[in-house]
PDB file of N, CA and C in Angstrom:
ATOM      1  N   UNK A   1      27.177 105.433  88.307  1.00  0.00           N
ATOM      2  CA  UNK A   1      28.333 105.201  89.678  1.00  0.00           C
ATOM      3  C   UNK A   1      29.594 105.179  89.567  1.00  0.00           C
ATOM      4  N   UNK A   2      29.836 104.698  88.323  1.00  0.00           N
ATOM      5  CA  UNK A   2      31.201 104.728  87.904  1.00  0.00           C
ATOM      6  C   UNK A   2      32.001 106.061  87.923  1.00  0.00           C
ATOM      7  N   UNK A   3      31.147 106.853  87.118  1.00  0.00           N
ATOM      8  CA  UNK A   3      31.373 108.267  87.157  1.00  0.00           C
ATOM      9  C   UNK A   3      31.629 109.370  88.609  1.00  0.00           C
ATOM     10  N   UNK A   4      30.532 108.666  89.486  1.00  0.00           N
ATOM     11  CA  UNK A   4      30.850 109.279  90.586  1.00  0.00           C
ATOM     12  C   UNK A   4      32.078 108.512  91.464  1.00  0.00           C
ATOM     13  N   UNK A   5      32.339 107.560  91.518  1.00  0.00           N
ATOM     14  CA  UNK A   5      33.651 107.268  91.900  1.00  0.00           C
ATOM     15  C   UNK A   5      34.690 107.711  91.414  1.00  0.00           C
ATOM     16  N   UNK A   6      34.857 107.788  90.281  1.00  0.00           N
ATOM     17  CA  UNK A   6      35.996 108.513  89.709  1.00  0.00           C
ATOM     18  C   UNK A   6      36.376 110.119  89.969  1.00  0.00           C
ATOM     19  N   UNK A   7      35.204 110.536  89.894  1.00  0.00           N
ATOM     20  CA  UNK A   7      35.058 112.023  90.728  1.00  0.00           C
ATOM     21  C   UNK A   7      35.572 111.779  91.920  1.00  0.00           C
ATOM     22  N   UNK A   8      34.933 111.407  92.678  1.00  0.00           N
ATOM     23  CA  UNK A   8      35.522 111.499  94.399  1.00  0.00           C
ATOM     24  C   UNK A   8      36.935 110.934  94.153  1.00  0.00           C
ATOM     25  N   UNK A   9      37.456 109.962  93.677  1.00  0.00           N
ATOM     26  CA  UNK A   9      39.000 109.510  93.531  1.00  0.00           C
ATOM     27  C   UNK A   9      39.669 110.791  92.856  1.00  0.00           C
ATOM     28  N   UNK A  10      38.867 111.593  92.108  1.00  0.00           N
ATOM     29  CA  UNK A  10      39.828 112.586  91.478  1.00  0.00           C
ATOM     30  C   UNK A  10      40.164 113.710  92.436  1.00  0.00           C
ATOM     31  N   UNK A  11      38.920 114.114  93.233  1.00  0.00           N
ATOM     32  CA  UNK A  11      39.013 115.061  94.072  1.00  0.00           C
ATOM     33  C   UNK A  11      39.797 114.788  95.286  1.00  0.00           C
ATOM     34  N   UNK A  12      39.591 113.411  95.832  1.00  0.00           N
ATOM     35  CA  UNK A  12      40.594 113.092  96.792  1.00  0.00           C
ATOM     36  C   UNK A  12      42.353 113.234  96.429  1.00  0.00           C
ATOM     37  N   UNK A  13      42.414 112.975  95.509  1.00  0.00           N
ATOM     38  CA  UNK A  13      43.640 112.727  94.575  1.00  0.00           C
ATOM     39  C   UNK A  13      44.305 114.440  94.765  1.00  0.00           C
ATOM     40  N   UNK A  14      43.338 115.040  94.341  1.00  0.00           N
ATOM     41  CA  UNK A  14      43.587 116.660  93.997  1.00  0.00           C
ATOM     42  C   UNK A  14      44.032 117.343  95.492  1.00  0.00           C
ATOM     43  N   UNK A  15      42.833 116.948  96.299  1.00  0.00           N
ATOM     44  CA  UNK A  15      43.040 117.731  97.542  1.00  0.00           C
ATOM     45  C   UNK A  15      44.262 117.162  98.175  1.00  0.00           C
ATOM     46  N   UNK A  16      44.831 115.906  97.979  1.00  0.00           N
ATOM     47  CA  UNK A  16      46.008 115.566  98.985  1.00  0.00           C
ATOM     48  C   UNK A  16      47.168 115.972  97.956  1.00  0.00           C
ATOM     49  N   UNK A  17      47.012 116.004  96.823  1.00  0.00           N
ATOM     50  CA  UNK A  17      48.108 117.035  96.088  1.00  0.00           C
ATOM     51  C   UNK A  17      48.300 118.338  96.452  1.00  0.00           C
ATOM     52  N   UNK A  18      47.463 118.871  96.435  1.00  0.00           N
ATOM     53  CA  UNK A  18      47.650 120.210  97.013  1.00  0.00           C
ATOM     54  C   UNK A  18      48.001 120.485  98.089  1.00  0.00           C
ATOM     55  N   UNK A  19      47.549 119.779  99.529  1.00  0.00           N
ATOM     56  CA  UNK A  19      47.933 119.455 100.622  1.00  0.00           C
ATOM     57  C   UNK A  19      49.514 119.411 100.579  1.00  0.00           C
ATOM     58  N   UNK A  20      50.053 118.322 100.186  1.00  0.00           N
ATOM     59  CA  UNK A  20      51.393 118.180 100.089  1.00  0.00           C
ATOM     60  C   UNK A  20      52.337 119.131  99.517  1.00  0.00           C
ATOM     61  N   UNK A  21      51.849 119.775  98.555  1.00  0.00           N
ATOM     62  CA  UNK A  21      52.477 121.022  98.086  1.00  0.00           C
ATOM     63  C   UNK A  21      52.379 122.376  98.484  1.00  0.00           C
ATOM     64  N   UNK A  22      51.767 122.739  99.301  1.00  0.00           N
ATOM     65  CA  UNK A  22      51.041 123.725 100.563  1.00  0.00           C
ATOM     66  C   UNK A  22      51.903 123.649 101.951  1.00  0.00           C
ATOM     67  N   UNK A  23      52.049 122.428 102.076  1.00  0.00           N
ATOM     68  CA  UNK A  23      52.838 122.108 103.582  1.00  0.00           C
ATOM     69  C   UNK A  23      53.958 121.855 103.714  1.00  0.00           C
ATOM     70  N   UNK A  24      54.529 121.747 105.029  1.00  0.00           N
ATOM     71  CA  UNK A  24      56.072 121.553 104.880  1.00  0.00           C
ATOM     72  C   UNK A  24      56.122 120.103 105.427  1.00  0.00           C
ATOM     73  N   UNK A  25      57.039 119.297 104.752  1.00  0.00           N
ATOM     74  CA  UNK A  25      57.604 118.194 104.941  1.00  0.00           C
ATOM     75  C   UNK A  25      58.144 117.754 106.299  1.00  0.00           C
ATOM     76  N   UNK A  26      57.785 117.518 107.369  1.00  0.00           N
ATOM     77  CA  UNK A  26      58.406 117.077 108.620  1.00  0.00           C
ATOM     78  C   UNK A  26      58.673 115.881 109.089  1.00  0.00           C
ATOM     79  N   UNK A  27      60.230 115.673 109.664  1.00  0.00           N
ATOM     80  CA  UNK A  27      60.099 114.291 109.435  1.00  0.00           C
ATOM     81  C   UNK A  27      59.854 113.921 111.046  1.00  0.00           C
ATOM     82  N   UNK A  28      59.164 113.014 111.352  1.00  0.00           N
ATOM     83  CA  UNK A  28      59.054 112.605 112.779  1.00  0.00           C
ATOM     84  C   UNK A  28      59.752 111.324 113.058  1.00  0.00           C
ATOM     85  N   UNK A  29      60.306 110.383 111.782  1.00  0.00           N
ATOM     86  CA  UNK A  29      61.059 109.379 112.368  1.00  0.00           C
ATOM     87  C   UNK A  29      62.544 109.269 111.519  1.00  0.00           C
ATOM     88  N   UNK A  30      63.434 108.234 112.146  1.00  0.00           N
ATOM     89  CA  UNK A  30      64.865 108.345 111.316  1.00  0.00           C
ATOM     90  C   UNK A  30      65.185 106.729 111.825  1.00  0.00           C
ATOM     91  N   UNK A  31      66.312 106.382 110.976  1.00  0.00           N
ATOM     92  CA  UNK A  31      66.393 105.003 111.103  1.00  0.00           C
ATOM     93  C   UNK A  31      67.994 104.767 111.042  1.00  0.00           C
ATOM     94  N   UNK A  32      68.435 103.616 111.695  1.00  0.00           N
ATOM     95  CA  UNK A  32      70.230 103.305 111.069  1.00  0.00           C
ATOM     96  C   UNK A  32      69.861 101.938 110.884  1.00  0.00           C
ATOM     97  N   UNK A  33      70.973 101.881 109.984  1.00  0.00           N
ATOM     98  CA  UNK A  33      71.027 100.135 109.416  1.00  0.00           C
ATOM     99  C   UNK A  33      72.287  99.460 110.089  1.00  0.00           C
ATOM    100  N   UNK A  34      73.581 100.376 110.607  1.00  0.00           N
ATOM    101  CA  UNK A  34      74.603  99.836 110.761  1.00  0.00           C
ATOM    102  C   UNK A  34      73.932  99.179 112.164  1.00  0.00           C
ATOM    103  N   UNK A  35      75.080  98.106 112.891  1.00  0.00           N
ATOM    104  CA  UNK A  35      75.294  97.462 114.193  1.00  0.00           C
ATOM    105  C   UNK A  35      75.492  98.306 115.065  1.00  0.00           C
ATOM    106  N   UNK A  36      74.305  98.550 116.144  1.00  0.00           N
ATOM    107  CA  UNK A  36      74.597  99.348 117.321  1.00  0.00           C
ATOM    108  C   UNK A  36      75.973  99.015 117.907  1.00  0.00           C
ATOM    109  N   UNK A  37      76.103 100.037 118.345  1.00  0.00           N
ATOM    110  CA  UNK A  37      77.287  99.686 119.801  1.00  0.00           C
ATOM    111  C   UNK A  37      77.120  99.278 120.947  1.00  0.00           C
ATOM    112  N   UNK A  38      75.757  99.724 121.231  1.00  0.00           N
ATOM    113  CA  UNK A  38      75.018  99.110 122.721  1.00  0.00           C
ATOM    114  C   UNK A  38      73.828  98.858 122.182  1.00  0.00           C
ATOM    115  N   UNK A  39      73.529  97.770 122.908  1.00  0.00           N
ATOM    116  CA  UNK A  39      71.862  97.226 122.791  1.00  0.00           C
ATOM    117  C   UNK A  39      71.608  96.276 123.972  1.00  0.00           C
ATOM    118  N   UNK A  40      70.610  96.512 124.645  1.00  0.00           N
ATOM    119  CA  UNK A  40      70.234  96.215 125.869  1.00  0.00           C
ATOM    120  C   UNK A  40      68.755  96.051 125.560  1.00  0.00           C
ATOM    121  N   UNK A  41      68.101  95.009 126.133  1.00  0.00           N
ATOM    122  CA  UNK A  41      66.862  94.839 126.608  1.00  0.00           C
ATOM    123  C   UNK A  41      66.628  94.176 127.588  1.00  0.00           C
ATOM    124  N   UNK A  42      65.927  94.668 128.761  1.00  0.00           N
ATOM    125  CA  UNK A  42      65.510  93.859 130.236  1.00  0.00           C
ATOM    126  C   UNK A  42      64.328  93.063 129.949  1.00  0.00           C
ATOM    127  N   UNK A  43      63.885  92.462 131.466  1.00  0.00           N
ATOM    128  CA  UNK A  43      62.889  91.560 131.382  1.00  0.00           C
ATOM    129  C   UNK A  43      61.428  92.488 131.198  1.00  0.00           C
ATOM    130  N   UNK A  44      61.814  93.734 131.460  1.00  0.00           N
ATOM    131  CA  UNK A  44      60.530  94.532 131.771  1.00  0.00           C
ATOM    132  C   UNK A  44      60.235  95.192 130.879  1.00  0.00           C
ATOM    133  N   UNK A  45      60.852  94.573 129.520  1.00  0.00           N
ATOM    134  CA  UNK A  45      60.710  95.314 127.850  1.00  0.00           C
ATOM    135  C   UNK A  45      61.081  96.790 127.760  1.00  0.00           C
ATOM    136  N   UNK A  46      62.189  97.385 128.740  1.00  0.00           N
ATOM    137  CA  UNK A  46      62.774  98.504 128.362  1.00  0.00           C
ATOM    138  C   UNK A  46      64.205  98.232 128.345  1.00  0.00           C
ATOM    139  N   UNK A  47      64.952  99.362 127.467  1.00  0.00           N
ATOM    140  CA  UNK A  47      66.173  99.430 127.183  1.00  0.00           C
ATOM    141  C   UNK A  47      66.843 100.159 126.815  1.00  0.00           C
ATOM    142  N   UNK A  48      68.155  99.862 126.257  1.00  0.00           N
ATOM    143  CA  UNK A  48      68.724 101.224 125.721  1.00  0.00           C
ATOM    144  C   UNK A  48      69.637 100.618 124.183  1.00  0.00           C
ATOM    145  N   UNK A  49      69.637 101.586 123.113  1.00  0.00           N
ATOM    146  CA  UNK A  49      70.425 100.991 121.859  1.00  0.00           C
ATOM    147  C   UNK A  49      70.822 102.495 121.320  1.00  0.00           C
ATOM    148  N   UNK A  50      72.268 102.390 121.167  1.00  0.00           N
ATOM    149  CA  UNK A  50      73.150 103.350 120.359  1.00  0.00           C
ATOM    150  C   UNK A  50      73.498 102.611 119.299  1.00  0.00           C
ATOM    151  N   UNK A  51      73.574 104.174 118.222  1.00  0.00           N
ATOM    152  CA  UNK A  51      74.050 103.578 117.406  1.00  0.00           C
ATOM    153  C   UNK A  51      74.496 104.679 116.353  1.00  0.00           C
ATOM    154  N   UNK A  52      74.716 104.844 115.178  1.00  0.00           N
ATOM    155  CA  UNK A  52      74.775 106.034 113.938  1.00  0.00           C
ATOM    156  C   UNK A  52      74.067 105.843 112.706  1.00  0.00           C
ATOM    157  N   UNK A  53      73.164 107.011 112.388  1.00  0.00           N
ATOM    158  CA  UNK A  53      72.676 107.117 111.270  1.00  0.00           C
ATOM    159  C   UNK A  53      73.700 106.812 110.166  1.00  0.00           C
ATOM    160  N   UNK A  54      74.658 107.191 110.232  1.00  0.00           N
ATOM    161  CA  UNK A  54      75.765 106.894 109.190  1.00  0.00           C
ATOM    162  C   UNK A  54      77.057 106.875 110.059  1.00  0.00           C
ATOM    163  N   UNK A  55      78.226 106.608 108.885  1.00  0.00           N
ATOM    164  CA  UNK A  55      79.442 106.540 109.902  1.00  0.00           C
ATOM    165  C   UNK A  55      79.986 107.618 110.545  1.00  0.00           C
ATOM    166  N   UNK A  56      79.540 108.320 109.424  1.00  0.00           N
ATOM    167  CA  UNK A  56      80.148 110.022 110.027  1.00  0.00           C
ATOM    168  C   UNK A  56      79.283 110.683 111.170  1.00  0.00           C
ATOM    169  N   UNK A  57      78.166 110.492 111.210  1.00  0.00           N
ATOM    170  CA  UNK A  57      77.154 110.860 111.953  1.00  0.00           C
ATOM    171  C   UNK A  57      77.454 110.577 113.672  1.00  0.00           C
ATOM    172  N   UNK A  58      76.989 111.794 114.423  1.00  0.00           N
ATOM    173  CA  UNK A  58      77.059 111.581 115.900  1.00  0.00           C
ATOM    174  C   UNK A  58      76.360 110.299 116.022  1.00  0.00           C
ATOM    175  N   UNK A  59      76.853 109.895 117.285  1.00  0.00           N
ATOM    176  CA  UNK A  59      76.012 108.753 118.109  1.00  0.00           C
ATOM    177  C   UNK A  59      74.817 109.050 118.358  1.00  0.00           C
ATOM    178  N   UNK A  60      73.715 108.400 118.083  1.00  0.00           N
ATOM    179  CA  UNK A  60      72.191 108.468 118.774  1.00  0.00           C
ATOM    180  C   UNK A  60      72.311 107.422 119.832  1.00  0.00           C
ATOM    181  N   UNK A  61      71.692 108.307 120.776  1.00  0.00           N
ATOM    182  CA  UNK A  61      71.334 107.090 122.344  1.00  0.00           C
ATOM    183  C   UNK A  61      69.750 107.225 122.232  1.00  0.00           C
ATOM    184  N   UNK A  62      69.249 105.927 121.953  1.00  0.00           N
ATOM    185  CA  UNK A  62      67.776 105.787 122.252  1.00  0.00           C
ATOM    186  C   UNK A  62      67.232 104.803 123.245  1.00  0.00           C
ATOM    187  N   UNK A  63      65.810 104.994 123.758  1.00  0.00           N
ATOM    188  CA  UNK A  63      65.358 104.122 124.377  1.00  0.00           C
ATOM    189  C   UNK A  63      64.443 103.353 124.122  1.00  0.00           C
ATOM    190  N   UNK A  64      64.166 102.014 124.368  1.00  0.00           N
ATOM    191  CA  UNK A  64      63.138 101.221 123.934  1.00  0.00           C
ATOM    192  C   UNK A  64      62.482 101.160 125.298  1.00  0.00           C
ATOM    193  N   UNK A  65      60.878 100.989 124.674  1.00  0.00           N
ATOM    194  CA  UNK A  65      59.929 100.847 125.757  1.00  0.00           C
ATOM    195  C   UNK A  65      59.247  99.746 125.313  1.00  0.00           C
ATOM    196  N   UNK A  66      58.269  99.413 125.971  1.00  0.00           N
ATOM    197  CA  UNK A  66      57.238  98.105 125.842  1.00  0.00           C
ATOM    198  C   UNK A  66      56.313  98.493 124.776  1.00  0.00           C
ATOM    199  N   UNK A  67      56.292  99.704 124.220  1.00  0.00           N
ATOM    200  CA  UNK A  67      55.365 100.125 123.070  1.00  0.00           C
ATOM    201  C   UNK A  67      56.322  99.482 121.761  1.00  0.00           C
ATOM    202  N   UNK A  68      57.810  99.334 121.808  1.00  0.00           N
ATOM    203  CA  UNK A  68      58.421  99.173 120.414  1.00  0.00           C
ATOM    204  C   UNK A  68      58.228  97.685 119.924  1.00  0.00           C
ATOM    205  N   UNK A  69      57.936  97.877 118.636  1.00  0.00           N
ATOM    206  CA  UNK A  69      57.468  96.830 117.898  1.00  0.00           C
ATOM    207  C   UNK A  69      58.955  96.025 117.348  1.00  0.00           C
ATOM    208  N   UNK A  70      58.730  94.750 117.571  1.00  0.00           N
ATOM    209  CA  UNK A  70      59.909  93.899 117.141  1.00  0.00           C
ATOM    210  C   UNK A  70      59.842  92.890 115.889  1.00  0.00           C
ATOM    211  N   UNK A  71      60.273  92.817 114.951  1.00  0.00           N
ATOM    212  CA  UNK A  71      60.235  92.012 113.596  1.00  0.00           C
ATOM    213  C   UNK A  71      61.400  90.934 113.433  1.00  0.00           C
ATOM    214  N   UNK A  72      61.424  89.742 112.927  1.00  0.00           N
ATOM    215  CA  UNK A  72      62.026  89.192 112.168  1.00  0.00           C
ATOM    216  C   UNK A  72      61.943  89.006 110.768  1.00  0.00           C
ATOM    217  N   UNK A  73      62.195  89.971 110.448  1.00  0.00           N
ATOM    218  CA  UNK A  73      62.019  90.317 108.965  1.00  0.00           C
ATOM    219  C   UNK A  73      61.136  91.008 108.638  1.00  0.00           C
ATOM    220  N   UNK A  74      60.330  90.509 107.953  1.00  0.00           N
ATOM    221  CA  UNK A  74      58.818  91.233 107.821  1.00  0.00           C
ATOM    222  C   UNK A  74      57.603  90.754 108.953  1.00  0.00           C
ATOM    223  N   UNK A  75      58.141  89.621 109.511  1.00  0.00           N
ATOM    224  CA  UNK A  75      57.033  89.116 110.251  1.00  0.00           C
ATOM    225  C   UNK A  75      57.151  89.886 111.709  1.00  0.00           C
ATOM    226  N   UNK A  76      56.102  90.048 112.315  1.00  0.00           N
ATOM    227  CA  UNK A  76      56.138  90.903 114.181  1.00  0.00           C
ATOM    228  C   UNK A  76      55.962  89.562 114.619  1.00  0.00           C
ATOM    229  N   UNK A  77      56.779  89.783 115.406  1.00  0.00           N
ATOM    230  CA  UNK A  77      57.208  89.046 116.863  1.00  0.00           C
ATOM    231  C   UNK A  77      56.917  89.942 118.369  1.00  0.00           C
ATOM    232  N   UNK A  78      56.964  89.093 119.373  1.00  0.00           N
ATOM    233  CA  UNK A  78      56.687  90.104 120.522  1.00  0.00           C
ATOM    234  C   UNK A  78      58.051  90.392 120.661  1.00  0.00           C
ATOM    235  N   UNK A  79      58.148  91.417 121.673  1.00  0.00           N
ATOM    236  CA  UNK A  79      59.545  91.935 121.959  1.00  0.00           C
ATOM    237  C   UNK A  79      60.043  91.340 122.996  1.00  0.00           C
ATOM    238  N   UNK A  80      59.151  90.488 123.991  1.00  0.00           N
ATOM    239  CA  UNK A  80      59.680  89.605 124.886  1.00  0.00           C
ATOM    240  C   UNK A  80      60.493  88.356 124.472  1.00  0.00           C
ATOM    241  N   UNK A  81      60.196  88.140 123.322  1.00  0.00           N
ATOM    242  CA  UNK A  81      60.764  87.085 122.691  1.00  0.00           C
ATOM    243  C   UNK A  81      62.218  87.386 122.519  1.00  0.00           C
ATOM    244  N   UNK A  82      62.709  88.581 122.301  1.00  0.00           N
ATOM    245  CA  UNK A  82      63.992  89.274 122.271  1.00  0.00           C
ATOM    246  C   UNK A  82      64.511  89.568 123.431  1.00  0.00           C
ATOM    247  N   UNK A  83      64.212  88.988 124.566  1.00  0.00           N
ATOM    248  CA  UNK A  83      65.050  89.438 125.785  1.00  0.00           C
ATOM    249  C   UNK A  83      65.962  88.272 125.892  1.00  0.00           C
ATOM    250  N   UNK A  84      67.270  88.287 126.339  1.00  0.00           N
ATOM    251  CA  UNK A  84      68.167  87.770 126.531  1.00  0.00           C
ATOM    252  C   UNK A  84      68.697  87.268 125.046  1.00  0.00           C
ATOM    253  N   UNK A  85      68.356  87.732 124.373  1.00  0.00           N
ATOM    254  CA  UNK A  85      68.919  87.403 123.065  1.00  0.00           C
ATOM    255  C   UNK A  85      70.333  88.281 122.908  1.00  0.00           C
ATOM    256  N   UNK A  86      71.219  87.586 122.113  1.00  0.00           N
ATOM    257  CA  UNK A  86      72.439  88.063 122.138  1.00  0.00           C
ATOM    258  C   UNK A  86      72.921  88.460 121.019  1.00  0.00           C
ATOM    259  N   UNK A  87      71.990  88.382 119.714  1.00  0.00           N
ATOM    260  CA  UNK A  87      71.757  88.927 118.320  1.00  0.00           C
ATOM    261  C   UNK A  87      71.373  90.276 118.661  1.00  0.00           C
ATOM    262  N   UNK A  88      71.908  91.045 117.746  1.00  0.00           N
ATOM    263  CA  UNK A  88      71.724  92.476 117.683  1.00  0.00           C
ATOM    264  C   UNK A  88      71.035  92.930 116.598  1.00  0.00           C
ATOM    265  N   UNK A  89      69.640  93.624 116.674  1.00  0.00           N
ATOM    266  CA  UNK A  89      68.967  94.004 115.325  1.00  0.00           C
ATOM    267  C   UNK A  89      69.624  95.097 114.406  1.00  0.00           C
ATOM    268  N   UNK A  90      68.834  94.429 113.298  1.00  0.00           N
ATOM    269  CA  UNK A  90      69.589  94.796 112.112  1.00  0.00           C
ATOM    270  C   UNK A  90      69.198  96.666 111.612  1.00  0.00           C
ATOM    271  N   UNK A  91      67.933  96.625 112.136  1.00  0.00           N
ATOM    272  CA  UNK A  91      67.500  97.922 111.429  1.00  0.00           C
ATOM    273  C   UNK A  91      67.025  98.611 112.946  1.00  0.00           C
ATOM    274  N   UNK A  92      67.122  99.820 113.043  1.00  0.00           N
ATOM    275  CA  UNK A  92      66.263 100.627 114.156  1.00  0.00           C
ATOM    276  C   UNK A  92      65.658 101.681 113.645  1.00  0.00           C
ATOM    277  N   UNK A  93      64.315 101.888 113.927  1.00  0.00           N
ATOM    278  CA  UNK A  93      63.490 103.092 113.918  1.00  0.00           C
ATOM    279  C   UNK A  93      63.138 103.569 115.062  1.00  0.00           C
ATOM    280  N   UNK A  94      63.229 105.211 114.967  1.00  0.00           N
ATOM    281  CA  UNK A  94      63.220 105.629 116.374  1.00  0.00           C
ATOM    282  C   UNK A  94      62.242 107.142 115.730  1.00  0.00           C
ATOM    283  N   UNK A  95      61.519 107.581 116.780  1.00  0.00           N
ATOM    284  CA  UNK A  95      60.908 108.558 116.830  1.00  0.00           C
ATOM    285  C   UNK A  95      62.120 110.140 117.024  1.00  0.00           C
ATOM    286  N   UNK A  96      62.318 110.705 116.267  1.00  0.00           N
ATOM    287  CA  UNK A  96      63.395 111.860 116.333  1.00  0.00           C
ATOM    288  C   UNK A  96      63.023 112.930 117.681  1.00  0.00           C
ATOM    289  N   UNK A  97      62.063 113.152 117.925  1.00  0.00           N
ATOM    290  CA  UNK A  97      61.687 113.997 119.021  1.00  0.00           C
ATOM    291  C   UNK A  97      61.875 113.354 120.722  1.00  0.00           C
ATOM    292  N   UNK A  98      61.000 112.277 120.506  1.00  0.00           N
ATOM    293  CA  UNK A  98      61.387 111.635 121.822  1.00  0.00           C
ATOM    294  C   UNK A  98      62.541 110.545 121.868  1.00  0.00           C
ATOM    295  N   UNK A  99      62.988 110.508 121.053  1.00  0.00           N
ATOM    296  CA  UNK A  99      64.456 109.346 120.931  1.00  0.00           C
ATOM    297  C   UNK A  99      64.047 107.841 122.005  1.00  0.00           C
ATOM    298  N   UNK A 100      62.658 107.534 121.430  1.00  0.00           N
ATOM    299  CA  UNK A 100      61.996 106.261 121.716  1.00  0.00           C
ATOM    300  C   UNK A 100      62.337 105.728 120.295  1.00  0.00           C
ATOM    301  N   UNK A 101      62.356 104.493 120.708  1.00  0.00           N
ATOM    302  CA  UNK A 101      62.751 103.096 119.106  1.00  0.00           C
ATOM    303  C   UNK A 101      61.047 102.743 119.379  1.00  0.00           C
ATOM    304  N   UNK A 102      60.520 102.834 117.519  1.00  0.00           N
ATOM    305  CA  UNK A 102      59.523 102.241 117.553  1.00  0.00           C
ATOM    306  C   UNK A 102      59.427 101.112 116.885  1.00  0.00           C
ATOM    307  N   UNK A 103      60.451 100.751 115.703  1.00  0.00           N
ATOM    308  CA  UNK A 103      60.276  99.215 115.481  1.00  0.00           C
ATOM    309  C   UNK A 103      61.954  99.047 115.457  1.00  0.00           C
ATOM    310  N   UNK A 104      62.261  97.443 115.680  1.00  0.00           N
ATOM    311  CA  UNK A 104      63.602  96.732 115.783  1.00  0.00           C
ATOM    312  C   UNK A 104      63.631  95.752 114.750  1.00  0.00           C
ATOM    313  N   UNK A 105      63.806  95.502 113.845  1.00  0.00           N
ATOM    314  CA  UNK A 105      64.172  94.546 112.902  1.00  0.00           C
ATOM    315  C   UNK A 105      65.502  93.475 112.819  1.00  0.00           C
ATOM    316  N   UNK A 106      65.264  92.324 113.051  1.00  0.00           N
ATOM    317  CA  UNK A 106      66.119  91.699 113.001  1.00  0.00           C
ATOM    318  C   UNK A 106      66.141  90.365 111.661  1.00  0.00           C
ATOM    319  N   UNK A 107      67.336  90.048 111.423  1.00  0.00           N
ATOM    320  CA  UNK A 107      67.521  89.229 110.236  1.00  0.00           C
ATOM    321  C   UNK A 107      68.316  88.165 110.569  1.00  0.00           C
TER     322      UNK A 107
END
């Protein structure tokens, strides 16, 4: 039984490695750590956040949706709990293609 588990594990690792080598790396998400220049979150859980991925990078304008997840540190909290807060998120993660925020992190 142990040998079968080892064999299955080895095959899975080999296939995963081969797929990673043969495929292209496609970035679907990016993030910025700098304090956003614009941050707004309305009662309907929609809003906007503008910031830069780096200090010399162009301004990125993003949309906050009700599907955006909110965190206090590592603990997930409701996005609604952040409505009306004057504190801006420290980290912003977003989908590069749609420009929608996926996660906001406060510290």
